[in-house]
Amino acid sequence: MHTSISVARLVARGLAMAVIAVAMTLPQAQALDKPTGTVVLTIDGAISQTNNGSQAQFDMAMLEKLPQHSFSTQTPWYPSAVTFTGPLLRDVLAAVGAKGKNITAVALNDYKTEIPIDDATRHDVIVARLMNNRPMRVREKGPLFIVYPFDTKAELRSELYYNRAAWQLHILRIR
C-alpha cells in the first residue's frame, strides 16, 4: 500500500511539472511598447492593450515588427494593379486586444468609414505601409492605407468594400 501512494505522488508531481513546463513555453501577453518615432496610428475604444492612457499608439517601426503580408490588386484609384504590403488588420487588432464589433477608420482629412470587425477575420485586409515596395507619402495616400484584396473574391469588387478602404489612415476607433 505504501508503494502505491508513493507512485501516485510521483505521477502527480510529474504531471504538475509537465503542466508548468508547458505553461512556460506558451506565448505570454506582452505589454504594448511605446512608440519611439512619429505616431502614425492611434487606436482607441474597446481595447485591452494600451501604451498612452486609454489609447494604443504605433509608430512605423512597431507596425513593421508585426508579420507582413503583400498582395497585388486592382483598385478604382489606380489604372493598373498595385502591390500593397503591411500587417493584416486582424494582427493589428490582436496587438491591442480589440473587443468590439465595429471599427471607425479615420483619415488625416477626417474622412470616416465603418468597417465590421468580421471583415478582418473573413478577408486578408491589410494596413498597408508600402505601395509597390515603397513607403507612401501623404500625397500618395499614405502613410497608411486600409486595403482589401479586391481581386480575391467577386464580392470585394463592389462600392461597399471600396468605401471601407481608407487611405491616409491615422485613427481606428473600436466599438
Protein backbone atom coordinates (compact mmCIF):
# COMPACT_ATOMS: atom_id res chain seq x y z
CA MET A 1 0.00 0.00 0.00
CA HIS A 2 2.83 2.36 0.84
CA THR A 3 4.32 1.81 -2.65
CA SER A 4 1.10 2.72 -4.49
CA ILE A 5 0.85 6.01 -2.57
CA SER A 6 4.43 6.86 -3.49
CA VAL A 7 3.80 6.02 -7.15
CA ALA A 8 0.63 8.16 -7.14
CA ARG A 9 2.55 11.08 -5.61
CA LEU A 10 5.34 10.72 -8.18
CA VAL A 11 2.84 10.63 -11.04
CA ALA A 12 1.02 13.69 -9.66
CA ARG A 13 4.30 15.54 -9.13
CA GLY A 14 5.46 14.66 -12.67
CA LEU A 15 2.15 15.80 -14.12
CA ALA A 16 2.37 19.10 -12.24
CA MET A 17 5.92 19.66 -13.53
CA ALA A 18 4.79 18.92 -17.09
CA VAL A 19 1.92 21.44 -16.81
CA ILE A 20 4.33 24.10 -15.51
CA ALA A 21 6.81 23.38 -18.31
CA VAL A 22 4.10 23.70 -20.97
CA ALA A 23 2.76 26.91 -19.42
CA MET A 24 6.24 28.44 -19.50
CA THR A 25 6.51 27.84 -23.26
CA LEU A 26 3.15 29.41 -24.16
CA PRO A 27 3.27 32.93 -25.61
CA GLN A 28 2.60 35.46 -22.90
CA ALA A 29 0.52 38.57 -23.45
CA GLN A 30 3.10 41.28 -23.89
CA ALA A 31 2.66 44.89 -22.97
CA LEU A 32 2.46 47.15 -25.97
CA ASP A 33 5.73 49.04 -26.47
CA LYS A 34 5.68 52.81 -26.55
CA PRO A 35 6.44 54.38 -29.93
CA THR A 36 9.89 55.93 -30.25
CA GLY A 37 9.24 57.54 -33.62
CA THR A 38 6.41 59.63 -35.04
CA VAL A 39 2.99 58.18 -34.16
CA VAL A 40 1.28 57.11 -37.39
CA LEU A 41 -1.68 55.17 -35.96
CA THR A 42 -3.78 55.62 -32.83
CA ILE A 43 -6.30 53.01 -31.72
CA ASP A 44 -8.87 53.65 -29.00
CA GLY A 45 -12.19 52.35 -27.72
CA ALA A 46 -12.77 48.72 -26.76
CA ILE A 47 -9.13 47.63 -26.44
CA SER A 48 -7.24 45.97 -23.59
CA GLN A 49 -3.62 46.77 -24.56
CA THR A 50 -2.66 50.44 -24.36
CA ASN A 51 0.57 52.43 -24.22
CA ASN A 52 -0.70 56.00 -23.84
CA GLY A 53 -3.54 56.33 -21.36
CA SER A 54 -6.59 54.63 -22.88
CA GLN A 55 -5.05 54.57 -26.36
CA ALA A 56 -2.65 52.35 -28.27
CA GLN A 57 -0.23 54.29 -30.43
CA PHE A 58 2.02 52.89 -33.16
CA ASP A 59 4.99 54.31 -34.98
CA MET A 60 6.05 52.78 -38.29
CA ALA A 61 8.71 50.58 -36.66
CA MET A 62 6.06 48.97 -34.41
CA LEU A 63 3.88 48.18 -37.44
CA GLU A 64 6.93 46.77 -39.25
CA LYS A 65 7.52 44.33 -36.36
CA LEU A 66 4.13 42.69 -36.95
CA PRO A 67 4.04 39.88 -39.56
CA GLN A 68 3.99 41.48 -43.02
CA HIS A 69 1.76 40.43 -45.92
CA SER A 70 1.64 41.56 -49.54
CA PHE A 71 -0.82 41.28 -52.39
CA SER A 72 -1.37 42.90 -55.75
CA THR A 73 -4.84 44.08 -56.59
CA GLN A 74 -6.77 46.29 -58.98
CA THR A 75 -8.38 49.31 -57.31
CA PRO A 76 -10.61 52.12 -58.55
CA TRP A 77 -7.85 54.61 -57.66
CA TYR A 78 -5.01 53.36 -59.87
CA PRO A 79 -5.01 52.46 -63.59
CA SER A 80 -3.25 49.11 -63.06
CA ALA A 81 -2.73 46.59 -60.27
CA VAL A 82 -0.77 47.84 -57.27
CA THR A 83 1.16 45.80 -54.69
CA PHE A 84 0.42 46.66 -51.07
CA THR A 85 2.44 45.47 -48.05
CA GLY A 86 1.76 45.72 -44.33
CA PRO A 87 0.38 43.84 -41.34
CA LEU A 88 -3.01 42.19 -41.52
CA LEU A 89 -5.71 44.31 -39.90
CA ARG A 90 -6.57 41.33 -37.67
CA ASP A 91 -2.96 41.26 -36.37
CA VAL A 92 -3.10 44.98 -35.53
CA LEU A 93 -6.42 44.42 -33.73
CA ALA A 94 -4.99 41.43 -31.84
CA ALA A 95 -1.98 43.50 -30.74
CA VAL A 96 -4.30 45.91 -28.93
CA GLY A 97 -6.76 43.29 -27.66
CA ALA A 98 -9.68 44.73 -29.66
CA LYS A 99 -13.03 43.54 -28.27
CA GLY A 100 -15.61 45.36 -30.38
CA LYS A 101 -17.83 44.60 -33.35
CA ASN A 102 -17.13 47.70 -35.46
CA ILE A 103 -14.20 49.89 -36.41
CA THR A 104 -14.41 53.52 -37.38
CA ALA A 105 -11.38 54.28 -39.54
CA VAL A 106 -10.47 57.97 -39.61
CA ALA A 107 -8.18 59.53 -42.21
CA LEU A 108 -5.95 62.58 -41.85
CA ASN A 109 -8.59 64.66 -43.72
CA ASP A 110 -11.29 63.40 -41.27
CA TYR A 111 -12.82 61.00 -43.81
CA LYS A 112 -14.52 58.25 -41.79
CA THR A 113 -15.63 54.79 -42.80
CA GLU A 114 -17.22 51.97 -40.81
CA ILE A 115 -15.65 48.53 -41.02
CA PRO A 116 -17.17 45.47 -39.34
CA ILE A 117 -14.51 43.67 -37.29
CA ASP A 118 -15.66 40.48 -39.05
CA ASP A 119 -14.05 41.85 -42.24
CA ALA A 120 -10.66 41.49 -40.54
CA THR A 121 -11.23 37.77 -39.98
CA ARG A 122 -13.12 36.98 -43.22
CA HIS A 123 -10.75 38.78 -45.59
CA ASP A 124 -6.99 39.37 -45.58
CA VAL A 125 -7.39 43.12 -45.14
CA ILE A 126 -4.05 44.84 -44.58
CA VAL A 127 -2.93 48.10 -43.07
CA ALA A 128 -0.64 48.90 -45.98
CA ARG A 129 2.53 50.82 -45.22
CA LEU A 130 4.17 50.17 -48.59
CA MET A 131 2.86 50.56 -52.12
CA ASN A 132 4.91 48.85 -54.81
CA ASN A 133 7.61 48.26 -52.16
CA ARG A 134 7.92 51.97 -51.29
CA PRO A 135 6.67 53.91 -48.26
CA MET A 136 3.65 56.03 -49.13
CA ARG A 137 3.82 59.76 -48.60
CA VAL A 138 0.68 61.62 -47.56
CA ARG A 139 0.16 62.88 -51.12
CA GLU A 140 0.33 59.22 -52.27
CA LYS A 141 -2.49 58.11 -49.95
CA GLY A 142 -0.08 57.31 -47.09
CA PRO A 143 1.42 56.79 -44.75
CA LEU A 144 -1.15 54.03 -44.05
CA PHE A 145 -3.93 52.65 -46.24
CA ILE A 146 -6.52 50.02 -45.26
CA VAL A 147 -6.79 47.85 -48.37
CA TYR A 148 -8.90 44.81 -49.16
CA PRO A 149 -7.63 42.11 -51.53
CA PHE A 150 -10.24 43.16 -54.10
CA ASP A 151 -9.14 40.65 -56.73
CA THR A 152 -9.51 37.57 -54.49
CA LYS A 153 -13.33 37.48 -54.31
CA ALA A 154 -16.03 38.90 -56.57
CA GLU A 155 -17.94 40.25 -53.55
CA LEU A 156 -14.99 42.53 -52.69
CA ARG A 157 -15.16 44.28 -56.07
CA SER A 158 -18.06 46.50 -55.03
CA GLU A 159 -18.74 50.01 -53.76
CA LEU A 160 -19.41 48.58 -50.28
CA TYR A 161 -15.82 47.36 -49.90
CA TYR A 162 -14.22 50.17 -51.90
CA ASN A 163 -15.85 52.58 -49.43
CA ARG A 164 -14.37 50.64 -46.49
CA ALA A 165 -10.84 51.20 -47.79
CA ALA A 166 -9.26 54.18 -46.05
CA TRP A 167 -6.13 55.95 -47.19
CA GLN A 168 -4.19 58.44 -45.06
CA LEU A 169 -5.39 56.34 -42.12
CA HIS A 170 -4.43 57.63 -38.69
CA ILE A 171 -7.11 56.52 -36.18
CA LEU A 172 -9.05 53.29 -35.57
CA ARG A 173 -11.92 53.51 -33.08
CA ILE A 174 -13.12 50.14 -31.82
CA ARG A 175 -16.76 49.92 -30.72
